[in-house]
C-alpha atoms as a PDB file:
ATOM      1  CA  UNK A   1       8.807  12.047   8.176  1.00  0.00           C
ATOM      2  CA  UNK A   2       9.617  13.074  11.348  1.00  0.00           C
ATOM      3  CA  UNK A   3      13.260  13.030  10.793  1.00  0.00           C
ATOM      4  CA  UNK A   4      12.808  14.934   7.943  1.00  0.00           C
ATOM      5  CA  UNK A   5      10.428  17.364   9.872  1.00  0.00           C
ATOM      6  CA  UNK A   6      13.093  17.260  12.893  1.00  0.00           C
ATOM      7  CA  UNK A   7      15.642  18.344   9.809  1.00  0.00           C
ATOM      8  CA  UNK A   8      13.678  20.559   8.569  1.00  0.00           C
ATOM      9  CA  UNK A   9      15.513  23.820  11.360  1.00  0.00           C
ATOM     10  CA  UNK A  10      18.892  24.986  11.152  1.00  0.00           C
ATOM     11  CA  UNK A  11      19.210  25.039  14.928  1.00  0.00           C
ATOM     12  CA  UNK A  12      18.070  21.484  15.034  1.00  0.00           C
ATOM     13  CA  UNK A  13      20.445  20.656  12.367  1.00  0.00           C
ATOM     14  CA  UNK A  14      23.206  22.464  14.502  1.00  0.00           C
ATOM     15  CA  UNK A  15      22.399  20.131  17.374  1.00  0.00           C
ATOM     16  CA  UNK A  16      23.056  17.429  15.201  1.00  0.00           C
ATOM     17  CA  UNK A  17      26.443  18.013  13.913  1.00  0.00           C
ATOM     18  CA  UNK A  18      27.492  19.141  17.642  1.00  0.00           C
ATOM     19  CA  UNK A  19      26.196  15.592  19.338  1.00  0.00           C
ATOM     20  CA  UNK A  20      27.970  13.770  16.138  1.00  0.00           C
ATOM     21  CA  UNK A  21      31.150  14.805  17.764  1.00  0.00           C
ATOM     22  CA  UNK A  22      30.467  13.003  21.027  1.00  0.00           C
ATOM     23  CA  UNK A  23      28.112  13.270  24.475  1.00  0.00           C
ATOM     24  CA  UNK A  24      27.091  16.518  25.203  1.00  0.00           C
ATOM     25  CA  UNK A  25      24.900  17.928  28.286  1.00  0.00           C
ATOM     26  CA  UNK A  26      22.446  19.975  27.547  1.00  0.00           C
ATOM     27  CA  UNK A  27      24.246  23.324  28.791  1.00  0.00           C
ATOM     28  CA  UNK A  28      27.199  22.575  26.579  1.00  0.00           C
ATOM     29  CA  UNK A  29      25.147  22.664  22.875  1.00  0.00           C
ATOM     30  CA  UNK A  30      22.544  25.780  24.825  1.00  0.00           C
ATOM     31  CA  UNK A  31      26.204  27.927  25.208  1.00  0.00           C
ATOM     32  CA  UNK A  32      27.268  27.104  21.339  1.00  0.00           C
ATOM     33  CA  UNK A  33      23.099  29.364  20.670  1.00  0.00           C
ATOM     34  CA  UNK A  34      21.931  33.182  21.407  1.00  0.00           C
ATOM     35  CA  UNK A  35      18.527  31.132  21.596  1.00  0.00           C
ATOM     36  CA  UNK A  36      17.303  30.410  25.646  1.00  0.00           C
ATOM     37  CA  UNK A  37      18.012  27.114  26.958  1.00  0.00           C
ATOM     38  CA  UNK A  38      14.662  26.002  27.390  1.00  0.00           C
ATOM     39  CA  UNK A  39      14.262  26.938  22.731  1.00  0.00           C
ATOM     40  CA  UNK A  40      17.737  24.335  22.894  1.00  0.00           C
ATOM     41  CA  UNK A  41      15.477  22.111  25.306  1.00  0.00           C
ATOM     42  CA  UNK A  42      12.523  21.984  22.895  1.00  0.00           C
ATOM     43  CA  UNK A  43      14.753  21.291  20.117  1.00  0.00           C
ATOM     44  CA  UNK A  44      16.320  18.459  21.477  1.00  0.00           C
ATOM     45  CA  UNK A  45      12.768  17.266  23.069  1.00  0.00           C
ATOM     46  CA  UNK A  46      11.902  17.237  18.811  1.00  0.00           C
ATOM     47  CA  UNK A  47      15.272  15.443  17.894  1.00  0.00           C
ATOM     48  CA  UNK A  48      14.529  12.716  20.543  1.00  0.00           C
ATOM     49  CA  UNK A  49      10.985  12.610  19.461  1.00  0.00           C
ATOM     50  CA  UNK A  50      12.497  11.439  16.242  1.00  0.00           C
ATOM     51  CA  UNK A  51      14.838   8.655  17.161  1.00  0.00           C
ATOM     52  CA  UNK A  52      17.992  11.591  16.062  1.00  0.00           C
ATOM     53  CA  UNK A  53      19.274  11.938  19.675  1.00  0.00           C
ATOM     54  CA  UNK A  54      19.554   9.428  22.474  1.00  0.00           C
ATOM     55  CA  UNK A  55      20.105  10.575  25.901  1.00  0.00           C
ATOM     56  CA  UNK A  56      21.193   8.966  29.354  1.00  0.00           C
ATOM     57  CA  UNK A  57      21.150   9.861  32.634  1.00  0.00           C
ATOM     58  CA  UNK A  58      24.668  10.708  34.592  1.00  0.00           C
ATOM     59  CA  UNK A  59      24.291  11.902  38.027  1.00  0.00           C
ATOM     60  CA  UNK A  60      22.666  15.235  37.948  1.00  0.00           C
ATOM     61  CA  UNK A  61      23.358  15.683  34.247  1.00  0.00           C
ATOM     62  CA  UNK A  62      21.463  14.684  30.954  1.00  0.00           C
ATOM     63  CA  UNK A  63      24.336  13.688  28.046  1.00  0.00           C
ATOM     64  CA  UNK A  64      23.230  13.204  24.113  1.00  0.00           C
ATOM     65  CA  UNK A  65      24.549  11.756  21.488  1.00  0.00           C
ATOM     66  CA  UNK A  66      23.540  10.841  17.679  1.00  0.00           C
ATOM     67  CA  UNK A  67      21.663   8.258  17.037  1.00  0.00           C
ATOM     68  CA  UNK A  68      22.591   7.575  13.318  1.00  0.00           C
ATOM     69  CA  UNK A  69      19.731   4.960  12.364  1.00  0.00           C
ATOM     70  CA  UNK A  70      16.850   7.372  11.503  1.00  0.00           C
ATOM     71  CA  UNK A  71      19.732   9.460   9.356  1.00  0.00           C
ATOM     72  CA  UNK A  72      20.825   6.132   7.813  1.00  0.00           C
ATOM     73  CA  UNK A  73      16.424   4.836   6.567  1.00  0.00           C
ATOM     74  CA  UNK A  74      16.394   9.208   5.401  1.00  0.00           C
ATOM     75  CA  UNK A  75      19.428   8.469   3.358  1.00  0.00           C
ATOM     76  CA  UNK A  76      18.691   5.402   1.534  1.00  0.00           C
ATOM     77  CA  UNK A  77      14.995   7.017   1.207  1.00  0.00           C
ATOM     78  CA  UNK A  78      16.780   9.706  -0.389  1.00  0.00           C
ATOM     79  CA  UNK A  79      18.924   7.534  -2.852  1.00  0.00           C
ATOM     80  CA  UNK A  80      15.864   5.470  -4.084  1.00  0.00           C
ATOM     81  CA  UNK A  81      14.146   8.780  -5.196  1.00  0.00           C
ATOM     82  CA  UNK A  82      16.973  10.656  -6.163  1.00  0.00           C
ATOM     83  CA  UNK A  83      16.638   8.898  -9.486  1.00  0.00           C
ATOM     84  CA  UNK A  84      12.664  10.165 -10.003  1.00  0.00           C
ATOM     85  CA  UNK A  85      13.754  13.450  -9.179  1.00  0.00           C
ATOM     86  CA  UNK A  86      16.835  13.712 -11.361  1.00  0.00           C
ATOM     87  CA  UNK A  87      14.624  12.349 -14.546  1.00  0.00           C
ATOM     88  CA  UNK A  88      11.751  15.060 -13.595  1.00  0.00           C
ATOM     89  CA  UNK A  89      13.993  18.204 -13.580  1.00  0.00           C
ATOM     90  CA  UNK A  90      15.887  17.052 -16.459  1.00  0.00           C
ATOM     91  CA  UNK A  91      12.282  16.908 -18.382  1.00  0.00           C
ATOM     92  CA  UNK A  92      11.927  20.041 -16.695  1.00  0.00           C
ATOM     93  CA  UNK A  93      15.064  21.702 -17.676  1.00  0.00           C
ATOM     94  CA  UNK A  94      13.977  20.570 -21.477  1.00  0.00           C
ATOM     95  CA  UNK A  95      10.664  21.549 -21.638  1.00  0.00           C
ATOM     96  CA  UNK A  96      11.787  25.512 -20.532  1.00  0.00           C
ATOM     97  CA  UNK A  97      14.776  25.446 -23.173  1.00  0.00           C
ATOM     98  CA  UNK A  98      11.853  24.530 -25.342  1.00  0.00           C
ATOM     99  CA  UNK A  99       9.678  27.239 -24.271  1.00  0.00           C
ATOM    100  CA  UNK A 100      13.073  30.133 -25.006  1.00  0.00           C
ATOM    101  CA  UNK A 101      13.596  28.452 -28.364  1.00  0.00           C
END
C-alpha cells in the first residue's frame, strides 16, 4: 500500500511524470516546482521508499529515474478488483434510481 500512499500526493505524481521521461537530478526536478528543494527531497525519499523511483550517484549528483515495477503491481491489483467495484457501483446506481421513483 506504500505505492498508493505515495501516489496520493499531486507533487509526487508530477515527479513521477518527470522521471518517466528519463533521469533527472534533484535540482532539475526541484526547478519544476514552487516548493522548496528540501520539500522535493522529502517527496523523492517517499517515492524511493515506495520503490517508485531509483537513484544512482554520478560524481556529486544523484540521478533519479522511474522504477515501473511497483506501478505495474498496483495496476494489476486495480484490474483484479475493478469488476468488484463496477458491480457495487452498478448496484448503488440501481438503488438510488429506485428511491427516486
